[in-house]
N, C-alpha and C. Protein backbone atom coordinates (compact mmCIF):
# COMPACT_ATOMS: atom_id res chain seq x y z
N UNK A 1 0.98 -1.09 -0.39
CA UNK A 1 0.02 0.20 -0.22
C UNK A 1 0.99 1.24 0.23
N UNK A 2 0.38 2.31 0.36
CA UNK A 2 1.06 3.79 -0.07
C UNK A 2 1.54 4.35 1.39
N UNK A 3 1.57 3.08 2.36
CA UNK A 3 1.54 3.91 3.71
C UNK A 3 0.42 4.54 4.48
N UNK A 4 -0.55 4.33 3.87
CA UNK A 4 -1.69 5.31 4.80
C UNK A 4 -2.32 3.86 5.06
N UNK A 5 -2.50 4.65 6.48
CA UNK A 5 -3.77 3.19 7.49
C UNK A 5 -5.08 3.41 6.72
N UNK A 6 -5.24 1.87 6.81
CA UNK A 6 -6.81 1.35 6.03
C UNK A 6 -7.96 2.13 7.03
N UNK A 7 -8.48 3.00 6.90
CA UNK A 7 -9.47 3.18 7.63
C UNK A 7 -10.93 3.29 7.03
N UNK A 8 -11.90 2.71 7.75
CA UNK A 8 -13.15 2.34 7.15
C UNK A 8 -13.83 3.64 7.00
N UNK A 9 -14.72 3.73 6.60
CA UNK A 9 -15.59 4.60 6.22
C UNK A 9 -16.52 4.84 7.25
N UNK A 10 -17.05 5.70 7.52
CA UNK A 10 -17.73 6.14 8.85
C UNK A 10 -19.20 5.37 8.45
N UNK A 11 -20.07 5.10 9.53
CA UNK A 11 -21.05 4.12 9.17
C UNK A 11 -22.00 5.34 8.60
N UNK A 12 -22.11 6.68 8.80
CA UNK A 12 -23.11 7.38 8.45
C UNK A 12 -23.23 7.78 7.00
N UNK A 13 -21.81 8.00 6.54
CA UNK A 13 -21.47 7.73 5.20
C UNK A 13 -22.14 6.78 4.33
N UNK A 14 -21.74 5.43 4.78
CA UNK A 14 -22.28 4.48 4.22
C UNK A 14 -23.97 4.26 4.46
N UNK A 15 -24.49 4.49 5.38
CA UNK A 15 -25.85 4.65 5.11
C UNK A 15 -26.64 5.78 4.18
N UNK A 16 -26.11 6.72 4.07
CA UNK A 16 -26.32 7.75 3.51
C UNK A 16 -26.30 7.67 1.74
N UNK A 17 -25.28 6.91 1.65
CA UNK A 17 -24.89 6.26 0.30
C UNK A 17 -25.67 5.60 -0.11
N UNK A 18 -26.26 4.72 0.44
CA UNK A 18 -27.20 3.25 0.44
C UNK A 18 -28.47 3.93 0.32
N UNK A 19 -28.63 4.83 1.12
CA UNK A 19 -30.21 5.37 0.83
C UNK A 19 -30.41 6.44 -0.56
N UNK A 20 -29.23 6.92 -1.08
CA UNK A 20 -28.96 7.70 -2.16
C UNK A 20 -29.29 6.77 -3.20
N UNK A 21 -28.65 5.89 -3.11
CA UNK A 21 -28.81 4.83 -4.20
C UNK A 21 -30.10 4.27 -3.74
N UNK A 22 -30.85 4.01 -3.20
CA UNK A 22 -32.21 3.13 -3.07
C UNK A 22 -32.96 4.22 -4.30
N UNK A 23 -32.90 5.29 -3.25
CA UNK A 23 -34.01 6.12 -3.71
C UNK A 23 -33.78 7.22 -5.07
N UNK A 24 -32.67 6.56 -5.37
CA UNK A 24 -32.46 6.91 -7.16
C UNK A 24 -33.17 5.94 -7.91
N UNK A 25 -32.18 4.73 -7.41
CA UNK A 25 -33.01 3.55 -8.22
C UNK A 25 -34.45 3.32 -8.23
N UNK A 26 -35.06 3.31 -6.76
CA UNK A 26 -36.79 3.41 -7.14
C UNK A 26 -37.61 4.39 -7.80
N UNK A 27 -36.66 5.35 -8.19
CA UNK A 27 -37.17 7.11 -8.66
C UNK A 27 -37.36 5.87 -10.36
N UNK A 28 -35.55 5.60 -10.52
CA UNK A 28 -36.00 5.03 -12.32
C UNK A 28 -37.06 3.73 -12.40
N UNK A 29 -36.82 3.16 -11.68
CA UNK A 29 -38.26 2.14 -11.67
C UNK A 29 -39.59 2.53 -11.59
N UNK A 30 -39.87 3.73 -10.87
CA UNK A 30 -41.29 4.10 -10.94
C UNK A 30 -41.67 4.70 -12.52
N UNK A 31 -39.95 5.72 -12.87
CA UNK A 31 -40.26 6.24 -14.50
C UNK A 31 -40.46 4.95 -15.22
N UNK A 32 -39.87 4.00 -14.91
CA UNK A 32 -39.77 2.74 -16.14
C UNK A 32 -40.89 2.44 -16.21
N UNK A 33 -41.74 2.20 -14.66
CA UNK A 33 -43.31 1.51 -15.02
C UNK A 33 -44.24 2.50 -15.67
N UNK A 34 -44.26 4.27 -14.90
CA UNK A 34 -44.84 4.60 -15.81
C UNK A 34 -45.15 5.02 -17.29
N UNK A 35 -43.36 4.67 -17.97
CA UNK A 35 -43.24 4.64 -19.19
C UNK A 35 -43.75 3.42 -20.38
N UNK A 36 -43.56 2.34 -19.20
CA UNK A 36 -44.23 0.95 -20.12
C UNK A 36 -45.99 1.45 -19.60
N UNK A 37 -46.36 1.63 -18.68
CA UNK A 37 -47.94 1.73 -18.78
C UNK A 37 -48.28 3.04 -19.66
N UNK A 38 -47.95 4.05 -20.11
CA UNK A 38 -48.08 4.66 -20.50
C UNK A 38 -49.36 5.70 -19.78
N UNK A 39 -49.12 5.63 -18.60
CA UNK A 39 -50.00 6.99 -17.61
C UNK A 39 -49.62 8.83 -18.04
N UNK A 40 -50.96 9.32 -18.12
CA UNK A 40 -50.69 10.52 -18.05
C UNK A 40 -49.64 11.33 -17.35
N UNK A 41 -49.61 10.48 -16.47
CA UNK A 41 -48.29 11.59 -15.44
C UNK A 41 -46.79 10.86 -15.70
N UNK A 42 -46.61 10.52 -16.91
CA UNK A 42 -45.17 9.90 -17.16
C UNK A 42 -44.04 11.45 -17.56
N UNK A 43 -44.52 12.36 -18.21
CA UNK A 43 -43.82 13.53 -18.11
C UNK A 43 -43.42 14.01 -16.94
N UNK A 44 -44.95 13.99 -16.09
CA UNK A 44 -44.23 14.45 -14.96
C UNK A 44 -43.43 13.98 -13.71
N UNK A 45 -43.51 12.88 -13.85
CA UNK A 45 -42.49 11.52 -13.16
C UNK A 45 -40.96 12.04 -13.63
N UNK A 46 -40.89 12.04 -15.08
CA UNK A 46 -39.99 12.30 -15.81
C UNK A 46 -39.08 13.52 -14.86
N UNK A 47 -39.61 14.38 -15.25
CA UNK A 47 -39.17 15.92 -14.61
C UNK A 47 -38.77 15.84 -13.62
N UNK A 48 -39.44 15.19 -12.68
CA UNK A 48 -39.06 14.77 -10.94
C UNK A 48 -37.92 13.88 -10.97
N UNK A 49 -37.67 12.79 -11.95
CA UNK A 49 -36.71 11.88 -11.94
C UNK A 49 -35.15 12.53 -12.49
N UNK A 50 -35.56 13.73 -13.27
CA UNK A 50 -34.32 14.49 -13.77
C UNK A 50 -33.71 15.48 -12.76
N UNK A 51 -34.85 15.86 -12.11
CA UNK A 51 -34.63 17.00 -11.01
C UNK A 51 -33.37 16.34 -9.66
N UNK A 52 -34.31 15.01 -9.50
CA UNK A 52 -33.94 14.39 -8.35
C UNK A 52 -32.55 14.13 -8.48
N UNK A 53 -32.31 13.42 -9.83
CA UNK A 53 -30.86 12.94 -10.55
C UNK A 53 -30.04 13.66 -10.36
N UNK A 54 -30.18 14.67 -10.01
CA UNK A 54 -29.35 16.25 -10.12
C UNK A 54 -28.88 16.57 -8.39
N UNK A 55 -30.61 16.56 -7.71
CA UNK A 55 -30.22 17.09 -6.69
C UNK A 55 -30.34 16.14 -5.54
N UNK A 56 -30.18 14.74 -5.57
CA UNK A 56 -30.03 13.61 -4.32
C UNK A 56 -28.40 13.69 -3.89
N UNK A 57 -27.69 13.40 -4.97
CA UNK A 57 -26.24 13.58 -4.51
C UNK A 57 -25.94 15.05 -4.14
N UNK A 58 -26.25 16.19 -4.81
CA UNK A 58 -25.65 17.63 -4.08
C UNK A 58 -26.59 17.50 -2.48
N UNK A 59 -27.59 17.27 -2.20
CA UNK A 59 -27.84 16.80 -0.79
C UNK A 59 -27.30 16.27 0.29
N UNK A 60 -26.95 14.76 -0.67
CA UNK A 60 -26.22 13.73 0.56
C UNK A 60 -24.88 14.81 0.19
N UNK A 61 -23.98 15.57 -0.59
CA UNK A 61 -22.86 15.76 -0.60
C UNK A 61 -22.70 16.86 0.68
N UNK A 62 -23.82 17.85 0.65
CA UNK A 62 -24.35 18.73 1.80
C UNK A 62 -24.31 18.29 2.80
N UNK A 63 -24.93 17.05 3.16
CA UNK A 63 -25.17 16.52 4.40
C UNK A 63 -23.94 15.52 4.82
N UNK A 64 -23.41 15.49 3.83
CA UNK A 64 -21.93 14.45 4.59
C UNK A 64 -20.65 15.65 4.85
N UNK A 65 -20.79 16.85 4.09
CA UNK A 65 -20.29 18.38 4.68
C UNK A 65 -20.31 18.66 5.67
N UNK A 66 -21.71 19.25 6.10
CA UNK A 66 -22.27 19.35 7.35
C UNK A 66 -21.79 18.79 8.63
N UNK A 67 -21.93 17.65 8.29
CA UNK A 67 -21.58 16.67 9.40
C UNK A 67 -20.16 16.51 9.50
N UNK A 68 -19.30 16.73 8.71
CA UNK A 68 -17.99 16.75 8.70
C UNK A 68 -17.53 17.99 9.32
N UNK A 69 -18.49 19.26 8.87
CA UNK A 69 -18.20 20.47 9.71
C UNK A 69 -18.19 20.40 10.97
N UNK A 70 -19.50 20.27 11.21
CA UNK A 70 -19.93 20.10 12.58
C UNK A 70 -18.65 19.23 13.49
N UNK A 71 -18.44 17.77 13.21
CA UNK A 71 -17.84 17.08 13.69
C UNK A 71 -16.05 17.73 13.81
N UNK A 72 -15.56 18.53 12.83
CA UNK A 72 -14.41 19.14 12.70
C UNK A 72 -13.48 18.15 12.14
N UNK A 73 -14.07 17.10 11.72
CA UNK A 73 -13.28 15.91 10.75
C UNK A 73 -13.34 16.19 9.26
N UNK A 74 -12.43 16.02 8.90
CA UNK A 74 -11.65 15.96 7.49
C UNK A 74 -12.82 14.71 6.76
N UNK A 75 -13.58 15.29 5.47
CA UNK A 75 -14.10 14.52 5.29
C UNK A 75 -13.66 14.75 3.53
N UNK A 76 -14.56 14.17 2.74
CA UNK A 76 -13.88 14.17 1.42
C UNK A 76 -14.90 15.38 0.73
N UNK A 77 -15.68 15.85 1.51
CA UNK A 77 -16.35 16.94 1.00
C UNK A 77 -16.07 18.09 1.15
N UNK A 78 -14.47 18.04 2.44
CA UNK A 78 -14.51 19.39 2.77
C UNK A 78 -13.61 19.77 1.45
N UNK A 79 -13.03 21.14 1.74
CA UNK A 79 -12.45 22.06 0.57
C UNK A 79 -10.98 21.60 0.55
N UNK A 80 -10.46 21.34 1.35
CA UNK A 80 -8.84 20.72 1.13
C UNK A 80 -8.79 19.36 1.69
N UNK A 81 -9.49 18.81 1.83
CA UNK A 81 -9.74 17.37 1.84
C UNK A 81 -8.49 16.61 1.71
N UNK A 82 -7.77 16.39 3.42
CA UNK A 82 -6.36 15.11 2.57
C UNK A 82 -4.85 16.15 2.52
N UNK A 83 -5.07 17.68 2.62
CA UNK A 83 -3.97 18.24 3.08
C UNK A 83 -3.86 18.49 4.57
N UNK A 84 -2.65 18.33 4.86
CA UNK A 84 -2.16 18.71 6.29
C UNK A 84 -2.13 20.70 6.61
N UNK A 85 -1.98 21.05 7.66
CA UNK A 85 -1.95 22.65 7.90
C UNK A 85 -0.88 23.12 7.01
N UNK A 86 0.45 22.37 6.56
CA UNK A 86 1.57 23.27 5.96
C UNK A 86 1.03 23.12 4.83
N UNK A 87 0.49 22.10 4.16
CA UNK A 87 0.24 22.66 2.58
C UNK A 87 -0.85 23.49 2.77
N UNK A 88 -2.11 23.15 3.27
CA UNK A 88 -3.02 24.38 3.66
C UNK A 88 -2.20 25.71 3.52
N UNK A 89 -1.33 26.00 4.71
CA UNK A 89 -1.11 27.49 4.43
C UNK A 89 -0.12 27.80 3.44
N UNK A 90 0.78 26.91 2.64
CA UNK A 90 1.35 26.87 1.70
C UNK A 90 0.45 27.71 0.38
N UNK A 91 -0.43 26.76 0.22
CA UNK A 91 -1.15 26.94 -1.09
C UNK A 91 -2.19 28.31 -0.39
N UNK A 92 -2.29 28.49 0.23
CA UNK A 92 -3.19 29.83 0.81
C UNK A 92 -2.40 31.22 0.24
N UNK A 93 -0.99 30.84 1.18
CA UNK A 93 0.02 32.05 0.28
C UNK A 93 0.32 32.24 -0.75
N UNK A 94 0.44 30.99 -1.53
CA UNK A 94 0.85 31.18 -3.17
C UNK A 94 -0.46 31.64 -3.53
N UNK A 95 -1.46 31.18 -3.27
CA UNK A 95 -2.91 32.39 -4.05
C UNK A 95 -2.51 33.82 -3.90
N UNK A 96 -2.07 34.04 -2.42
CA UNK A 96 -2.21 35.52 -2.10
C UNK A 96 -1.24 35.88 -2.77
N UNK A 97 -0.16 35.64 -3.23
CA UNK A 97 0.99 36.18 -3.59
C UNK A 97 2.26 36.01 -2.75
N UNK A 98 2.09 36.02 -1.45
CA UNK A 98 2.91 35.97 -0.94
C UNK A 98 4.13 34.82 -1.09
N UNK A 99 5.46 35.21 -1.06
CA UNK A 99 6.45 34.10 -1.40
C UNK A 99 7.54 33.59 0.30
N UNK A 100 7.62 32.20 0.13
CA UNK A 100 8.20 32.37 1.19
C UNK A 100 9.76 32.86 1.65
């Protein structure tokens, strides 16, 4: 391996990911059923599924980011994910035009 310790994904992230997958797959199955039966509401279901395809991952990302921000833990949704304090400070100083 690359020298990093193997850390398990927290349970809340796994639960949110599974919830998102179940929600999206369920919506697509409803859309498929509506399309096969030729229901007059098919267009509305399609628009709802298209909107949810974008909204569900964004909402899940925001939830993970918020939980990480509240607990103070670095998550994949953090703006400086994986950087230590020195790397973070170096990047900030490069952006502001300061030289070491």
